[in-house]
Amino acid sequence: MPISELLILLLFISAVGTVFAYAGIVILRFVVRRLVKRPASARSSALRWIDRTVLVLAAIGIVCIAYAHFVEPFWLEVTHVRLTSPKLPAGARPIRIVHISDFHCDPTVRLEERLPGIIAQQKPDVIVFTGDAVNSTDALPVFRRCITKIAAIAPTFGVTGNWDLWSPQGDEIFDGTGVRQLRSEAVKVNVAGAELWIAGVQYGRLDRLPEALSGIPDGALTVFL
């Protein structure tokens, strides 16, 4: 992860930690005052405004954490986007590409068992995965079982994301799954008489973009991961 992103992440974590710590102090002060039946201290209106603002921010943070843990990981939504291109041969049928990303698998199975069936219903010609596979090493078997079933549906290509850089198996997450990992390269796929190039680079290696695109003919229909 680039230093700039790491610094932003650390600043964010520090800000969140400060908000929750301050909110905890405000709540603790209120509880202690009630237990000992001590009258409220004479705090300035500015300090009271800060206390309330921090409590609201902490409450919003708790709601976001609850949503991220109990709602979003189980919410499956399919979105269809139609694109047109003059690079497709005249009369060629549409090419169906399923794009999946950011599984962030945990050791506990969530949507992973449902995903292959939902993807198969879309009848894809090509499937692409754009990184962030697992939240921990223990979740790697869950991801691999899922992505192996997905790769059996149609040719599947993947690149690693920033989260995968933190995993000891970061550059090996697709091993044995049937997914073609793109490491600054492009692959040609024939779909119903049309040529489609799938190119990709791993996260943080946009400097290798020219290398990834170097073998693609001018004017070819290309998808970049």
Protein backbone atom coordinates (compact mmCIF):
# COMPACT_ATOMS: atom_id res chain seq x y z
CA MET A 1 0.00 0.00 0.00
CA PRO A 2 1.43 3.43 -0.92
CA ILE A 3 2.63 5.59 1.97
CA SER A 4 0.04 8.26 1.15
CA GLU A 5 -2.83 5.77 1.47
CA LEU A 6 -1.36 4.31 4.64
CA LEU A 7 -1.18 7.77 6.19
CA ILE A 8 -4.80 8.49 5.22
CA LEU A 9 -5.86 5.17 6.75
CA LEU A 10 -3.98 5.89 9.97
CA LEU A 11 -5.49 9.38 10.19
CA PHE A 12 -8.97 7.95 9.71
CA ILE A 13 -8.44 5.28 12.37
CA SER A 14 -7.06 7.91 14.74
CA ALA A 15 -10.03 10.21 14.15
CA VAL A 16 -12.54 7.40 14.73
CA GLY A 17 -10.70 6.28 17.86
CA THR A 18 -10.67 9.83 19.20
CA VAL A 19 -14.41 10.26 18.62
CA PHE A 20 -15.28 7.01 20.41
CA ALA A 21 -12.87 7.72 23.27
CA TYR A 22 -14.30 11.19 23.80
CA ALA A 23 -17.86 9.86 23.58
CA GLY A 24 -16.98 7.23 26.18
CA ILE A 25 -15.68 9.92 28.52
CA VAL A 26 -18.87 11.99 28.07
CA ILE A 27 -21.08 8.98 28.82
CA LEU A 28 -18.94 7.89 31.78
CA ARG A 29 -19.05 11.40 33.23
CA PHE A 30 -22.85 11.42 32.88
CA VAL A 31 -23.23 7.97 34.52
CA VAL A 32 -20.94 8.83 37.44
CA ARG A 33 -22.80 12.10 38.02
CA ARG A 34 -26.10 10.22 38.14
CA LEU A 35 -24.77 7.52 40.49
CA VAL A 36 -23.38 9.97 43.01
CA LYS A 37 -26.29 12.35 42.41
CA ARG A 38 -23.93 15.21 41.77
CA PRO A 39 -25.31 18.29 40.05
CA ALA A 40 -24.20 18.97 36.49
CA SER A 41 -21.01 20.99 36.24
CA ALA A 42 -21.18 24.43 34.72
CA ARG A 43 -19.77 23.72 31.25
CA SER A 44 -19.72 26.39 28.60
CA SER A 45 -22.18 26.21 25.72
CA ALA A 46 -19.26 25.51 23.36
CA LEU A 47 -18.19 22.46 25.37
CA ARG A 48 -21.76 21.19 25.59
CA TRP A 49 -22.06 21.59 21.80
CA ILE A 50 -18.84 19.60 21.34
CA ASP A 51 -20.12 16.85 23.65
CA ARG A 52 -23.38 16.52 21.72
CA THR A 53 -21.64 16.59 18.35
CA VAL A 54 -19.24 13.85 19.38
CA LEU A 55 -22.09 11.72 20.75
CA VAL A 56 -23.98 12.09 17.45
CA LEU A 57 -20.85 11.15 15.47
CA ALA A 58 -20.28 8.13 17.70
CA ALA A 59 -23.89 7.03 17.25
CA ILE A 60 -23.56 7.33 13.47
CA GLY A 61 -20.36 5.30 13.66
CA ILE A 62 -22.09 2.54 15.63
CA VAL A 63 -24.90 2.42 13.06
CA CYS A 64 -22.36 2.19 10.22
CA ILE A 65 -20.49 -0.62 11.98
CA ALA A 66 -23.73 -2.52 12.57
CA TYR A 67 -24.75 -2.07 8.93
CA ALA A 68 -21.33 -3.23 7.70
CA HIS A 69 -21.49 -6.33 9.89
CA PHE A 70 -25.13 -7.41 9.86
CA VAL A 71 -26.65 -5.99 6.66
CA GLU A 72 -24.29 -5.24 3.77
CA PRO A 73 -22.45 -8.61 3.72
CA PHE A 74 -25.78 -10.42 3.18
CA TRP A 75 -27.28 -7.98 0.68
CA LEU A 76 -27.05 -9.32 -2.86
CA GLU A 77 -27.97 -6.98 -5.70
CA VAL A 78 -27.54 -7.52 -9.45
CA THR A 79 -27.10 -4.42 -11.62
CA HIS A 80 -27.23 -4.51 -15.42
CA VAL A 81 -25.34 -1.94 -17.49
CA ARG A 82 -25.58 -1.90 -21.31
CA LEU A 83 -22.63 -0.51 -23.25
CA THR A 84 -22.27 -0.10 -27.00
CA SER A 85 -19.09 -0.10 -29.05
CA PRO A 86 -18.31 0.27 -32.77
CA LYS A 87 -15.47 -2.20 -32.17
CA LEU A 88 -17.94 -5.10 -32.13
CA PRO A 89 -18.36 -6.79 -35.55
CA ALA A 90 -21.58 -5.94 -37.35
CA GLY A 91 -24.31 -8.38 -36.42
CA ALA A 92 -22.40 -9.77 -33.44
CA ARG A 93 -24.50 -10.70 -30.47
CA PRO A 94 -24.00 -8.87 -27.17
CA ILE A 95 -21.13 -10.01 -24.96
CA ARG A 96 -22.19 -10.61 -21.38
CA ILE A 97 -19.55 -9.78 -18.77
CA VAL A 98 -20.16 -10.36 -15.07
CA HIS A 99 -18.06 -8.07 -12.89
CA ILE A 100 -17.56 -9.08 -9.25
CA SER A 101 -15.30 -7.48 -6.69
CA ASP A 102 -14.52 -6.86 -3.01
CA PHE A 103 -15.74 -10.14 -1.55
CA HIS A 104 -13.85 -9.46 1.72
CA CYS A 105 -14.60 -13.02 2.79
CA ASP A 106 -14.57 -13.95 6.47
CA PRO A 107 -14.19 -17.48 7.88
CA THR A 108 -17.99 -17.53 8.32
CA VAL A 109 -19.85 -18.07 5.05
CA ARG A 110 -22.20 -15.25 4.06
CA LEU A 111 -23.17 -14.74 0.40
CA GLU A 112 -20.51 -17.06 -0.96
CA GLU A 113 -22.78 -20.09 -1.36
CA ARG A 114 -25.44 -18.11 -3.26
CA LEU A 115 -23.14 -16.21 -5.61
CA PRO A 116 -22.28 -18.95 -8.13
CA GLY A 117 -25.95 -19.71 -8.77
CA ILE A 118 -26.85 -16.04 -9.18
CA ILE A 119 -23.95 -15.51 -11.57
CA ALA A 120 -24.87 -18.60 -13.61
CA GLN A 121 -28.37 -17.16 -14.09
CA GLN A 122 -26.81 -14.17 -15.88
CA LYS A 123 -25.37 -16.52 -18.55
CA PRO A 124 -22.04 -14.68 -18.77
CA ASP A 125 -19.51 -15.08 -21.57
CA VAL A 126 -16.74 -13.75 -19.35
CA ILE A 127 -16.38 -13.14 -15.61
CA VAL A 128 -13.95 -10.63 -14.11
CA PHE A 129 -12.91 -10.18 -10.48
CA THR A 130 -11.17 -6.96 -9.46
CA GLY A 131 -9.63 -7.69 -6.10
CA ASP A 132 -10.04 -7.63 -2.32
CA ALA A 133 -10.75 -11.31 -1.74
CA VAL A 134 -10.48 -11.95 2.01
CA ASN A 135 -10.35 -10.14 5.33
CA SER A 136 -8.10 -12.76 6.94
CA THR A 137 -6.01 -15.79 6.03
CA ASP A 138 -8.59 -18.07 7.70
CA ALA A 139 -11.15 -16.95 5.11
CA LEU A 140 -9.07 -18.07 2.13
CA PRO A 141 -10.78 -21.52 1.86
CA VAL A 142 -14.20 -19.80 1.76
CA PHE A 143 -13.07 -17.52 -1.06
CA ARG A 144 -11.43 -20.29 -3.05
CA ARG A 145 -14.46 -22.60 -2.85
CA CYS A 146 -16.67 -19.79 -4.08
CA ILE A 147 -14.43 -18.50 -6.87
CA THR A 148 -13.72 -22.05 -8.08
CA LYS A 149 -17.44 -22.63 -8.63
CA ILE A 150 -17.71 -19.25 -10.36
CA ALA A 151 -14.75 -19.99 -12.65
CA ALA A 152 -16.51 -23.17 -13.80
CA ILE A 153 -19.36 -21.07 -15.23
CA ALA A 154 -17.36 -19.07 -17.80
CA PRO A 155 -13.75 -17.96 -18.45
CA THR A 156 -12.80 -15.95 -15.37
CA PHE A 157 -10.04 -13.37 -15.03
CA GLY A 158 -8.86 -11.61 -11.90
CA VAL A 159 -6.46 -9.06 -10.47
CA THR A 160 -5.45 -8.45 -6.87
CA GLY A 161 -6.60 -5.39 -4.94
CA ASN A 162 -5.08 -3.28 -2.17
CA TRP A 163 -6.56 -5.49 0.56
CA ASP A 164 -4.88 -8.54 -0.95
CA LEU A 165 -1.47 -6.93 -0.39
CA TRP A 166 -2.01 -7.41 3.35
CA SER A 167 -2.61 -11.16 2.98
CA PRO A 168 0.34 -13.59 3.13
CA GLN A 169 -1.22 -15.35 0.12
CA GLY A 170 -1.87 -12.05 -1.63
CA ASP A 171 -0.42 -12.99 -4.99
CA GLU A 172 -1.55 -16.62 -4.74
CA ILE A 173 -5.23 -16.21 -3.91
CA PHE A 174 -6.34 -17.61 -7.27
CA ASP A 175 -4.06 -20.68 -7.24
CA GLY A 176 -5.98 -23.85 -8.08
CA THR A 177 -9.29 -22.05 -8.64
CA GLY A 178 -9.41 -21.90 -12.44
CA VAL A 179 -9.18 -18.10 -12.43
CA ARG A 180 -6.63 -16.60 -14.83
CA GLN A 181 -4.77 -13.98 -12.81
CA LEU A 182 -3.61 -11.04 -14.90
CA ARG A 183 -0.18 -9.75 -13.91
CA SER A 184 0.36 -6.75 -16.16
CA GLU A 185 -0.77 -8.62 -19.26
CA ALA A 186 -3.64 -9.05 -21.69
CA VAL A 187 -5.44 -12.16 -22.91
CA LYS A 188 -7.56 -12.57 -26.03
CA VAL A 189 -10.97 -14.23 -25.66
CA ASN A 190 -13.16 -15.29 -28.59
CA VAL A 191 -16.85 -14.80 -27.88
CA ALA A 192 -19.33 -15.85 -30.59
CA GLY A 193 -17.03 -14.74 -33.37
CA ALA A 194 -15.93 -11.51 -31.68
CA GLU A 195 -12.48 -10.88 -30.25
CA LEU A 196 -12.34 -9.43 -26.74
CA TRP A 197 -9.10 -8.56 -24.96
CA ILE A 198 -9.00 -8.69 -21.17
CA ALA A 199 -6.08 -6.71 -19.71
CA GLY A 200 -5.18 -6.12 -16.09
CA VAL A 201 -2.59 -5.03 -13.55
CA GLN A 202 -2.46 -5.74 -9.85
CA TYR A 203 -3.25 -2.94 -7.42
CA GLY A 204 -0.57 -0.30 -7.11
CA ARG A 205 1.18 -1.21 -10.37
CA LEU A 206 -0.27 1.27 -12.82
CA ASP A 207 3.34 1.93 -13.81
CA ARG A 208 3.06 -1.38 -15.65
CA LEU A 209 0.03 -0.27 -17.64
CA PRO A 210 2.00 0.09 -20.91
CA GLU A 211 3.28 -3.46 -20.46
CA ALA A 212 -0.25 -4.77 -19.93
CA LEU A 213 -1.57 -3.09 -23.07
CA SER A 214 1.45 -3.57 -25.32
CA GLY A 215 0.23 -6.73 -27.04
CA ILE A 216 -3.29 -5.50 -27.86
CA PRO A 217 -3.89 -4.63 -31.53
CA ASP A 218 -4.97 -1.06 -32.29
CA GLY A 219 -8.73 -0.69 -32.29
CA ALA A 220 -9.39 -3.97 -30.48
CA LEU A 221 -12.30 -4.23 -28.06
CA THR A 222 -10.64 -4.22 -24.64
CA VAL A 223 -11.70 -4.50 -21.01
CA PHE A 224 -9.16 -3.32 -18.46
CA LEU A 225 -9.03 -4.55 -14.86
